[in-house]
Amino acid sequence: MRPNIASVGSHVEQGHENAETLTPHAALIRRGVSPERTKMTLHDLEARFAGLSAAQHADFQDQHLGMVACQEALRAASRGNYGVGAVFVDPHGTVVEQGQNAVFYPHFRSDLHAEMVVMNAFEDRHPEVDTMRGYALVCSIEPCPMCFARLLAAGVQTVKFLAEDAWGGMLRHRQHLPDAWQRLEQRQAISQADVSESLRQLAADVFRLTLDLCRQKLWSR
């Protein structure tokens, strides 16, 4: 189901001058979303993903893990959840967990962002691990404030994301963290993943596919 762009646009822009009179097209432009991209379907994105190959982009260090994260994101979007996926690797580069956003399906869980799903599973299955040195998490979208804090508390040494989230991402707001959290941040490296531009754009487009619909569900609670 395609998100109701016009309805969400009016909520997002609420409080700005003449925001509620914006056309859907104008509202999208003000939010930095290409109107053409709202016409994408899940099938279109799955076809684009199928056309990508990690082998063809071997020069990009994180291409393989980025593809795993995007595959999880596609699965999340197909279930009506936020289109975000994540993958967790140990110090040897072995994938130990992978997961997807599960906020709305199979039932509402406000905490089950992709990063939270992966960390929950890892901590439950590996209680013997007492240090996160050398561990890395790659997610398809920049972590939100909740997930950012979770990854800091968990001690994950390296965090990488494929696409920025200009509206909900935490990276550019790190300086506003309380002192205790800023101290935790000193042991973590967070940056954009080294992937091909086509994969980075795919991650962003999968995220946008159900974004407005999911936001409407949250606002209606």
C-alpha atoms as a PDB file:
ATOM      1  CA  MET A   1       0.000   0.000   0.000  1.00  0.00           C
ATOM      2  CA  ARG A   2       1.410   3.387  -0.964  1.00  0.00           C
ATOM      3  CA  PRO A   3       1.643   5.866   1.928  1.00  0.00           C
ATOM      4  CA  ASN A   4      -0.808   8.765   2.093  1.00  0.00           C
ATOM      5  CA  ILE A   5       1.731  11.435   1.226  1.00  0.00           C
ATOM      6  CA  ALA A   6      -0.638  14.404   1.316  1.00  0.00           C
ATOM      7  CA  SER A   7      -1.916  13.640   4.795  1.00  0.00           C
ATOM      8  CA  VAL A   8       1.515  13.083   6.282  1.00  0.00           C
ATOM      9  CA  GLY A   9       2.941  16.143   4.571  1.00  0.00           C
ATOM     10  CA  SER A  10       0.479  18.412   6.351  1.00  0.00           C
ATOM     11  CA  HIS A  11       1.397  16.951   9.765  1.00  0.00           C
ATOM     12  CA  VAL A  12       5.136  17.172   9.217  1.00  0.00           C
ATOM     13  CA  GLU A  13       4.974  20.776   8.130  1.00  0.00           C
ATOM     14  CA  GLN A  14       2.482  21.801  10.809  1.00  0.00           C
ATOM     15  CA  GLY A  15       3.496  25.079  12.429  1.00  0.00           C
ATOM     16  CA  HIS A  16       5.272  26.391   9.324  1.00  0.00           C
ATOM     17  CA  GLU A  17       3.823  29.260   7.369  1.00  0.00           C
ATOM     18  CA  ASN A  18       1.060  28.166   4.982  1.00  0.00           C
ATOM     19  CA  ALA A  19       2.157  24.549   5.485  1.00  0.00           C
ATOM     20  CA  GLU A  20      -1.321  23.070   5.519  1.00  0.00           C
ATOM     21  CA  THR A  21      -2.105  24.617   2.124  1.00  0.00           C
ATOM     22  CA  LEU A  22       0.895  23.037   0.420  1.00  0.00           C
ATOM     23  CA  THR A  23       0.144  20.679  -2.428  1.00  0.00           C
ATOM     24  CA  PRO A  24       1.436  17.119  -1.940  1.00  0.00           C
ATOM     25  CA  HIS A  25       4.076  17.815  -4.584  1.00  0.00           C
ATOM     26  CA  ALA A  26       5.310  20.976  -2.803  1.00  0.00           C
ATOM     27  CA  ALA A  27       5.242  19.305   0.601  1.00  0.00           C
ATOM     28  CA  LEU A  28       7.452  16.506  -0.691  1.00  0.00           C
ATOM     29  CA  ILE A  29       9.975  18.947  -2.113  1.00  0.00           C
ATOM     30  CA  ARG A  30      10.155  20.870   1.179  1.00  0.00           C
ATOM     31  CA  ARG A  31      10.842  17.579   2.968  1.00  0.00           C
ATOM     32  CA  GLY A  32      13.655  16.726   0.541  1.00  0.00           C
ATOM     33  CA  VAL A  33      11.830  13.791  -1.059  1.00  0.00           C
ATOM     34  CA  SER A  34      11.734  13.415  -4.817  1.00  0.00           C
ATOM     35  CA  PRO A  35       8.076  13.110  -5.928  1.00  0.00           C
ATOM     36  CA  GLU A  36       9.155  10.575  -8.564  1.00  0.00           C
ATOM     37  CA  ARG A  37      10.439   8.248  -5.850  1.00  0.00           C
ATOM     38  CA  THR A  38       7.038   8.063  -4.151  1.00  0.00           C
ATOM     39  CA  LYS A  39       5.788   6.083  -7.150  1.00  0.00           C
ATOM     40  CA  MET A  40       8.122   3.183  -6.375  1.00  0.00           C
ATOM     41  CA  THR A  41       6.687  -0.170  -5.405  1.00  0.00           C
ATOM     42  CA  LEU A  42       8.124  -2.975  -3.347  1.00  0.00           C
ATOM     43  CA  HIS A  43       8.453  -4.986  -6.546  1.00  0.00           C
ATOM     44  CA  ASP A  44      10.534  -2.198  -8.119  1.00  0.00           C
ATOM     45  CA  LEU A  45      12.894  -2.151  -5.154  1.00  0.00           C
ATOM     46  CA  GLU A  46      13.215  -5.933  -5.035  1.00  0.00           C
ATOM     47  CA  ALA A  47      14.096  -5.909  -8.727  1.00  0.00           C
ATOM     48  CA  ARG A  48      16.764  -3.260  -8.122  1.00  0.00           C
ATOM     49  CA  PHE A  49      18.191  -5.299  -5.266  1.00  0.00           C
ATOM     50  CA  ALA A  50      18.297  -8.429  -7.434  1.00  0.00           C
ATOM     51  CA  GLY A  51      20.332  -6.504  -9.992  1.00  0.00           C
ATOM     52  CA  LEU A  52      23.036  -5.627  -7.478  1.00  0.00           C
ATOM     53  CA  SER A  53      26.047  -7.822  -6.868  1.00  0.00           C
ATOM     54  CA  ALA A  54      28.616  -7.701  -4.105  1.00  0.00           C
ATOM     55  CA  ALA A  55      31.175  -9.155  -6.511  1.00  0.00           C
ATOM     56  CA  GLN A  56      30.641  -6.301  -8.982  1.00  0.00           C
ATOM     57  CA  HIS A  57      31.411  -3.791  -6.224  1.00  0.00           C
ATOM     58  CA  ALA A  58      34.310  -5.555  -4.541  1.00  0.00           C
ATOM     59  CA  ASP A  59      36.155  -2.260  -4.124  1.00  0.00           C
ATOM     60  CA  PHE A  60      33.641  -1.191  -1.472  1.00  0.00           C
ATOM     61  CA  GLN A  61      34.576  -2.591   1.905  1.00  0.00           C
ATOM     62  CA  ASP A  62      31.057  -2.818   3.325  1.00  0.00           C
ATOM     63  CA  GLN A  63      29.151  -3.812   0.173  1.00  0.00           C
ATOM     64  CA  HIS A  64      28.391  -7.371   1.264  1.00  0.00           C
ATOM     65  CA  LEU A  65      27.183  -6.428   4.738  1.00  0.00           C
ATOM     66  CA  GLY A  66      25.249  -3.530   3.255  1.00  0.00           C
ATOM     67  CA  MET A  67      23.415  -5.929   0.978  1.00  0.00           C
ATOM     68  CA  VAL A  68      22.517  -8.138   3.932  1.00  0.00           C
ATOM     69  CA  ALA A  69      21.121  -5.096   5.750  1.00  0.00           C
ATOM     70  CA  CYS A  70      19.136  -4.016   2.685  1.00  0.00           C
ATOM     71  CA  GLN A  71      17.702  -7.488   2.241  1.00  0.00           C
ATOM     72  CA  GLU A  72      16.436  -7.347   5.811  1.00  0.00           C
ATOM     73  CA  ALA A  73      15.052  -3.853   5.158  1.00  0.00           C
ATOM     74  CA  LEU A  74      13.087  -5.131   2.168  1.00  0.00           C
ATOM     75  CA  ARG A  75      11.590  -7.881   4.308  1.00  0.00           C
ATOM     76  CA  ALA A  76      10.585  -5.327   6.927  1.00  0.00           C
ATOM     77  CA  ALA A  77       8.913  -3.106   4.335  1.00  0.00           C
ATOM     78  CA  SER A  78       7.044  -6.078   2.868  1.00  0.00           C
ATOM     79  CA  ARG A  79       5.455  -6.596   6.296  1.00  0.00           C
ATOM     80  CA  GLY A  80       4.359  -2.997   6.689  1.00  0.00           C
ATOM     81  CA  ASN A  81       7.148  -2.074   9.096  1.00  0.00           C
ATOM     82  CA  TYR A  82       9.772   0.639   8.695  1.00  0.00           C
ATOM     83  CA  GLY A  83      12.105  -0.461   5.912  1.00  0.00           C
ATOM     84  CA  VAL A  84      15.251  -0.796   7.983  1.00  0.00           C
ATOM     85  CA  GLY A  85      17.608  -3.741   8.398  1.00  0.00           C
ATOM     86  CA  ALA A  86      20.782  -4.380  10.390  1.00  0.00           C
ATOM     87  CA  VAL A  87      23.603  -6.917  10.569  1.00  0.00           C
ATOM     88  CA  PHE A  88      26.035  -7.562  13.426  1.00  0.00           C
ATOM     89  CA  VAL A  89      29.522  -9.028  12.961  1.00  0.00           C
ATOM     90  CA  ASP A  90      32.129 -10.299  15.419  1.00  0.00           C
ATOM     91  CA  PRO A  91      35.835  -9.306  15.482  1.00  0.00           C
ATOM     92  CA  HIS A  92      36.553 -11.931  12.789  1.00  0.00           C
ATOM     93  CA  GLY A  93      34.016 -10.413  10.407  1.00  0.00           C
ATOM     94  CA  THR A  94      31.556 -13.274  10.843  1.00  0.00           C
ATOM     95  CA  VAL A  95      27.871 -12.389  10.798  1.00  0.00           C
ATOM     96  CA  VAL A  96      26.484 -13.330  14.211  1.00  0.00           C
ATOM     97  CA  GLU A  97      23.053 -11.661  13.974  1.00  0.00           C
ATOM     98  CA  GLN A  98      20.897  -9.970  11.404  1.00  0.00           C
ATOM     99  CA  GLY A  99      17.422  -8.531  11.735  1.00  0.00           C
ATOM    100  CA  GLN A 100      14.824  -6.026  10.658  1.00  0.00           C
ATOM    101  CA  ASN A 101      12.435  -3.456  12.024  1.00  0.00           C
ATOM    102  CA  ALA A 102       9.395  -5.097  13.653  1.00  0.00           C
ATOM    103  CA  VAL A 103       7.501  -2.197  15.204  1.00  0.00           C
ATOM    104  CA  PHE A 104       4.072  -2.963  13.712  1.00  0.00           C
ATOM    105  CA  TYR A 105       4.147  -6.578  12.528  1.00  0.00           C
ATOM    106  CA  PRO A 106       3.357  -9.128  13.880  1.00  0.00           C
ATOM    107  CA  HIS A 107       2.084  -6.815  16.654  1.00  0.00           C
ATOM    108  CA  PHE A 108       3.001  -3.381  17.942  1.00  0.00           C
ATOM    109  CA  ARG A 109       6.329  -3.139  19.771  1.00  0.00           C
ATOM    110  CA  SER A 110       7.585   0.413  20.039  1.00  0.00           C
ATOM    111  CA  ASP A 111      11.145  -0.677  20.790  1.00  0.00           C
ATOM    112  CA  LEU A 112      11.751  -3.125  17.962  1.00  0.00           C
ATOM    113  CA  HIS A 113      13.823  -1.067  15.570  1.00  0.00           C
ATOM    114  CA  ALA A 114      16.266  -3.124  13.509  1.00  0.00           C
ATOM    115  CA  GLU A 115      19.260  -2.293  15.699  1.00  0.00           C
ATOM    116  CA  MET A 116      17.315  -3.196  18.841  1.00  0.00           C
ATOM    117  CA  VAL A 117      16.172  -6.515  17.349  1.00  0.00           C
ATOM    118  CA  VAL A 118      19.753  -7.457  16.503  1.00  0.00           C
ATOM    119  CA  MET A 119      21.195  -6.444  19.865  1.00  0.00           C
ATOM    120  CA  ASN A 120      18.386  -8.163  21.797  1.00  0.00           C
ATOM    121  CA  ALA A 121      19.054 -11.402  19.949  1.00  0.00           C
ATOM    122  CA  PHE A 122      22.823 -11.214  20.375  1.00  0.00           C
ATOM    123  CA  GLU A 123      22.732 -10.414  24.082  1.00  0.00           C
ATOM    124  CA  ASP A 124      20.198 -13.197  24.741  1.00  0.00           C
ATOM    125  CA  ARG A 125      22.188 -15.784  22.798  1.00  0.00           C
ATOM    126  CA  HIS A 126      25.685 -14.794  23.901  1.00  0.00           C
ATOM    127  CA  PRO A 127      25.635 -13.885  27.595  1.00  0.00           C
ATOM    128  CA  GLU A 128      29.273 -14.990  27.814  1.00  0.00           C
ATOM    129  CA  VAL A 129      30.492 -12.050  25.706  1.00  0.00           C
ATOM    130  CA  ASP A 130      31.730  -9.336  28.073  1.00  0.00           C
ATOM    131  CA  THR A 131      33.340  -6.894  25.641  1.00  0.00           C
ATOM    132  CA  MET A 132      32.265  -5.404  22.322  1.00  0.00           C
ATOM    133  CA  ARG A 133      35.787  -4.604  21.156  1.00  0.00           C
ATOM    134  CA  GLY A 134      36.038  -5.542  17.506  1.00  0.00           C
ATOM    135  CA  TYR A 135      32.290  -5.961  17.013  1.00  0.00           C
ATOM    136  CA  ALA A 136      30.533  -3.907  14.347  1.00  0.00           C
ATOM    137  CA  LEU A 137      26.944  -3.175  13.399  1.00  0.00           C
ATOM    138  CA  VAL A 138      25.919  -2.137   9.901  1.00  0.00           C
ATOM    139  CA  CYS A 139      22.407  -0.756   9.442  1.00  0.00           C
ATOM    140  CA  SER A 140      20.640   0.403   6.319  1.00  0.00           C
ATOM    141  CA  ILE A 141      19.624   3.765   7.841  1.00  0.00           C
ATOM    142  CA  GLU A 142      21.273   6.146  10.288  1.00  0.00           C
ATOM    143  CA  PRO A 143      20.310   5.184  13.870  1.00  0.00           C
ATOM    144  CA  CYS A 144      17.583   7.147  15.623  1.00  0.00           C
ATOM    145  CA  PRO A 145      18.125   8.558  19.162  1.00  0.00           C
ATOM    146  CA  MET A 146      16.781   5.400  20.828  1.00  0.00           C
ATOM    147  CA  CYS A 147      19.005   3.052  18.855  1.00  0.00           C
ATOM    148  CA  PHE A 148      21.985   5.362  19.096  1.00  0.00           C
ATOM    149  CA  ALA A 149      21.742   5.270  22.883  1.00  0.00           C
ATOM    150  CA  ARG A 150      21.283   1.494  22.888  1.00  0.00           C
ATOM    151  CA  LEU A 151      24.419   0.958  20.824  1.00  0.00           C
ATOM    152  CA  LEU A 152      26.384   3.273  23.107  1.00  0.00           C
ATOM    153  CA  ALA A 153      25.182   1.420  26.209  1.00  0.00           C
ATOM    154  CA  ALA A 154      25.964  -1.931  24.604  1.00  0.00           C
ATOM    155  CA  GLY A 155      29.501  -0.777  23.857  1.00  0.00           C
ATOM    156  CA  VAL A 156      29.437  -1.645  20.139  1.00  0.00           C
ATOM    157  CA  GLN A 157      32.799  -0.397  18.918  1.00  0.00           C
ATOM    158  CA  THR A 158      31.936   0.325  15.288  1.00  0.00           C
ATOM    159  CA  VAL A 159      28.602   1.447  13.835  1.00  0.00           C
ATOM    160  CA  LYS A 160      28.082   2.076  10.128  1.00  0.00           C
ATOM    161  CA  PHE A 161      24.967   3.064   8.222  1.00  0.00           C
ATOM    162  CA  LEU A 162      24.226   3.204   4.511  1.00  0.00           C
ATOM    163  CA  ALA A 163      21.864   6.183   4.192  1.00  0.00           C
ATOM    164  CA  GLU A 164      21.291   9.277   6.298  1.00  0.00           C
ATOM    165  CA  ASP A 165      17.982   9.977   8.014  1.00  0.00           C
ATOM    166  CA  ALA A 166      17.665  13.767   7.906  1.00  0.00           C
ATOM    167  CA  TRP A 167      14.453  13.766   9.941  1.00  0.00           C
ATOM    168  CA  GLY A 168      15.125  11.118  12.564  1.00  0.00           C
ATOM    169  CA  GLY A 169      18.849  10.358  12.609  1.00  0.00           C
ATOM    170  CA  MET A 170      20.968  11.071  15.660  1.00  0.00           C
ATOM    171  CA  LEU A 171      24.472  11.490  14.267  1.00  0.00           C
ATOM    172  CA  ARG A 172      24.373  15.254  13.742  1.00  0.00           C
ATOM    173  CA  HIS A 173      22.888  15.766  17.222  1.00  0.00           C
ATOM    174  CA  ARG A 174      25.521  13.888  19.217  1.00  0.00           C
ATOM    175  CA  GLN A 175      26.814  17.059  20.811  1.00  0.00           C
ATOM    176  CA  HIS A 176      23.518  17.429  22.670  1.00  0.00           C
ATOM    177  CA  LEU A 177      23.883  14.145  24.545  1.00  0.00           C
ATOM    178  CA  PRO A 178      24.155  14.360  28.342  1.00  0.00           C
ATOM    179  CA  ASP A 179      27.719  14.189  29.653  1.00  0.00           C
ATOM    180  CA  ALA A 180      27.490  10.533  30.693  1.00  0.00           C
ATOM    181  CA  TRP A 181      26.417   9.502  27.201  1.00  0.00           C
ATOM    182  CA  GLN A 182      29.088  11.636  25.569  1.00  0.00           C
ATOM    183  CA  ARG A 183      31.655   9.770  27.616  1.00  0.00           C
ATOM    184  CA  LEU A 184      30.304   6.459  26.320  1.00  0.00           C
ATOM    185  CA  GLU A 185      30.473   7.829  22.797  1.00  0.00           C
ATOM    186  CA  GLN A 186      34.230   8.289  23.068  1.00  0.00           C
ATOM    187  CA  ARG A 187      34.727   4.543  22.667  1.00  0.00           C
ATOM    188  CA  GLN A 188      32.561   4.247  19.555  1.00  0.00           C
ATOM    189  CA  ALA A 189      33.254   5.026  15.904  1.00  0.00           C
ATOM    190  CA  ILE A 190      30.185   5.789  13.783  1.00  0.00           C
ATOM    191  CA  SER A 191      30.227   6.645  10.092  1.00  0.00           C
ATOM    192  CA  GLN A 192      28.600   5.992   6.741  1.00  0.00           C
ATOM    193  CA  ALA A 193      29.334   2.555   5.342  1.00  0.00           C
ATOM    194  CA  ASP A 194      31.657   2.127   2.364  1.00  0.00           C
ATOM    195  CA  VAL A 195      29.154   0.888  -0.214  1.00  0.00           C
ATOM    196  CA  SER A 196      28.275   1.688  -3.807  1.00  0.00           C
ATOM    197  CA  GLU A 197      26.064   4.689  -4.438  1.00  0.00           C
ATOM    198  CA  SER A 198      23.424   2.450  -5.996  1.00  0.00           C
ATOM    199  CA  LEU A 199      23.165   0.415  -2.791  1.00  0.00           C
ATOM    200  CA  ARG A 200      23.123   3.535  -0.623  1.00  0.00           C
ATOM    201  CA  GLN A 201      20.250   4.949  -2.692  1.00  0.00           C
ATOM    202  CA  LEU A 202      18.404   1.646  -2.494  1.00  0.00           C
ATOM    203  CA  ALA A 203      18.633   1.713   1.310  1.00  0.00           C
ATOM    204  CA  ALA A 204      17.158   5.224   1.356  1.00  0.00           C
ATOM    205  CA  ASP A 205      14.356   4.292  -1.038  1.00  0.00           C
ATOM    206  CA  VAL A 206      13.377   1.161   0.896  1.00  0.00           C
ATOM    207  CA  PHE A 207      13.173   3.287   4.041  1.00  0.00           C
ATOM    208  CA  ARG A 208      10.941   5.847   2.326  1.00  0.00           C
ATOM    209  CA  LEU A 209       8.598   3.208   0.927  1.00  0.00           C
ATOM    210  CA  THR A 210       6.620   2.737   4.157  1.00  0.00           C
ATOM    211  CA  LEU A 211       7.902   5.733   6.126  1.00  0.00           C
ATOM    212  CA  ASP A 212       4.843   7.975   5.904  1.00  0.00           C
ATOM    213  CA  LEU A 213       2.418   5.130   6.533  1.00  0.00           C
ATOM    214  CA  CYS A 214       4.341   4.051   9.630  1.00  0.00           C
ATOM    215  CA  ARG A 215       4.482   7.628  10.897  1.00  0.00           C
ATOM    216  CA  GLN A 216       0.734   7.930  10.517  1.00  0.00           C
ATOM    217  CA  LYS A 217       0.301   4.785  12.605  1.00  0.00           C
ATOM    218  CA  LEU A 218       2.458   6.239  15.366  1.00  0.00           C
ATOM    219  CA  TRP A 219       0.693   9.597  15.316  1.00  0.00           C
ATOM    220  CA  SER A 220      -2.697   7.902  15.559  1.00  0.00           C
ATOM    221  CA  ARG A 221      -1.839   6.103  18.815  1.00  0.00           C
END
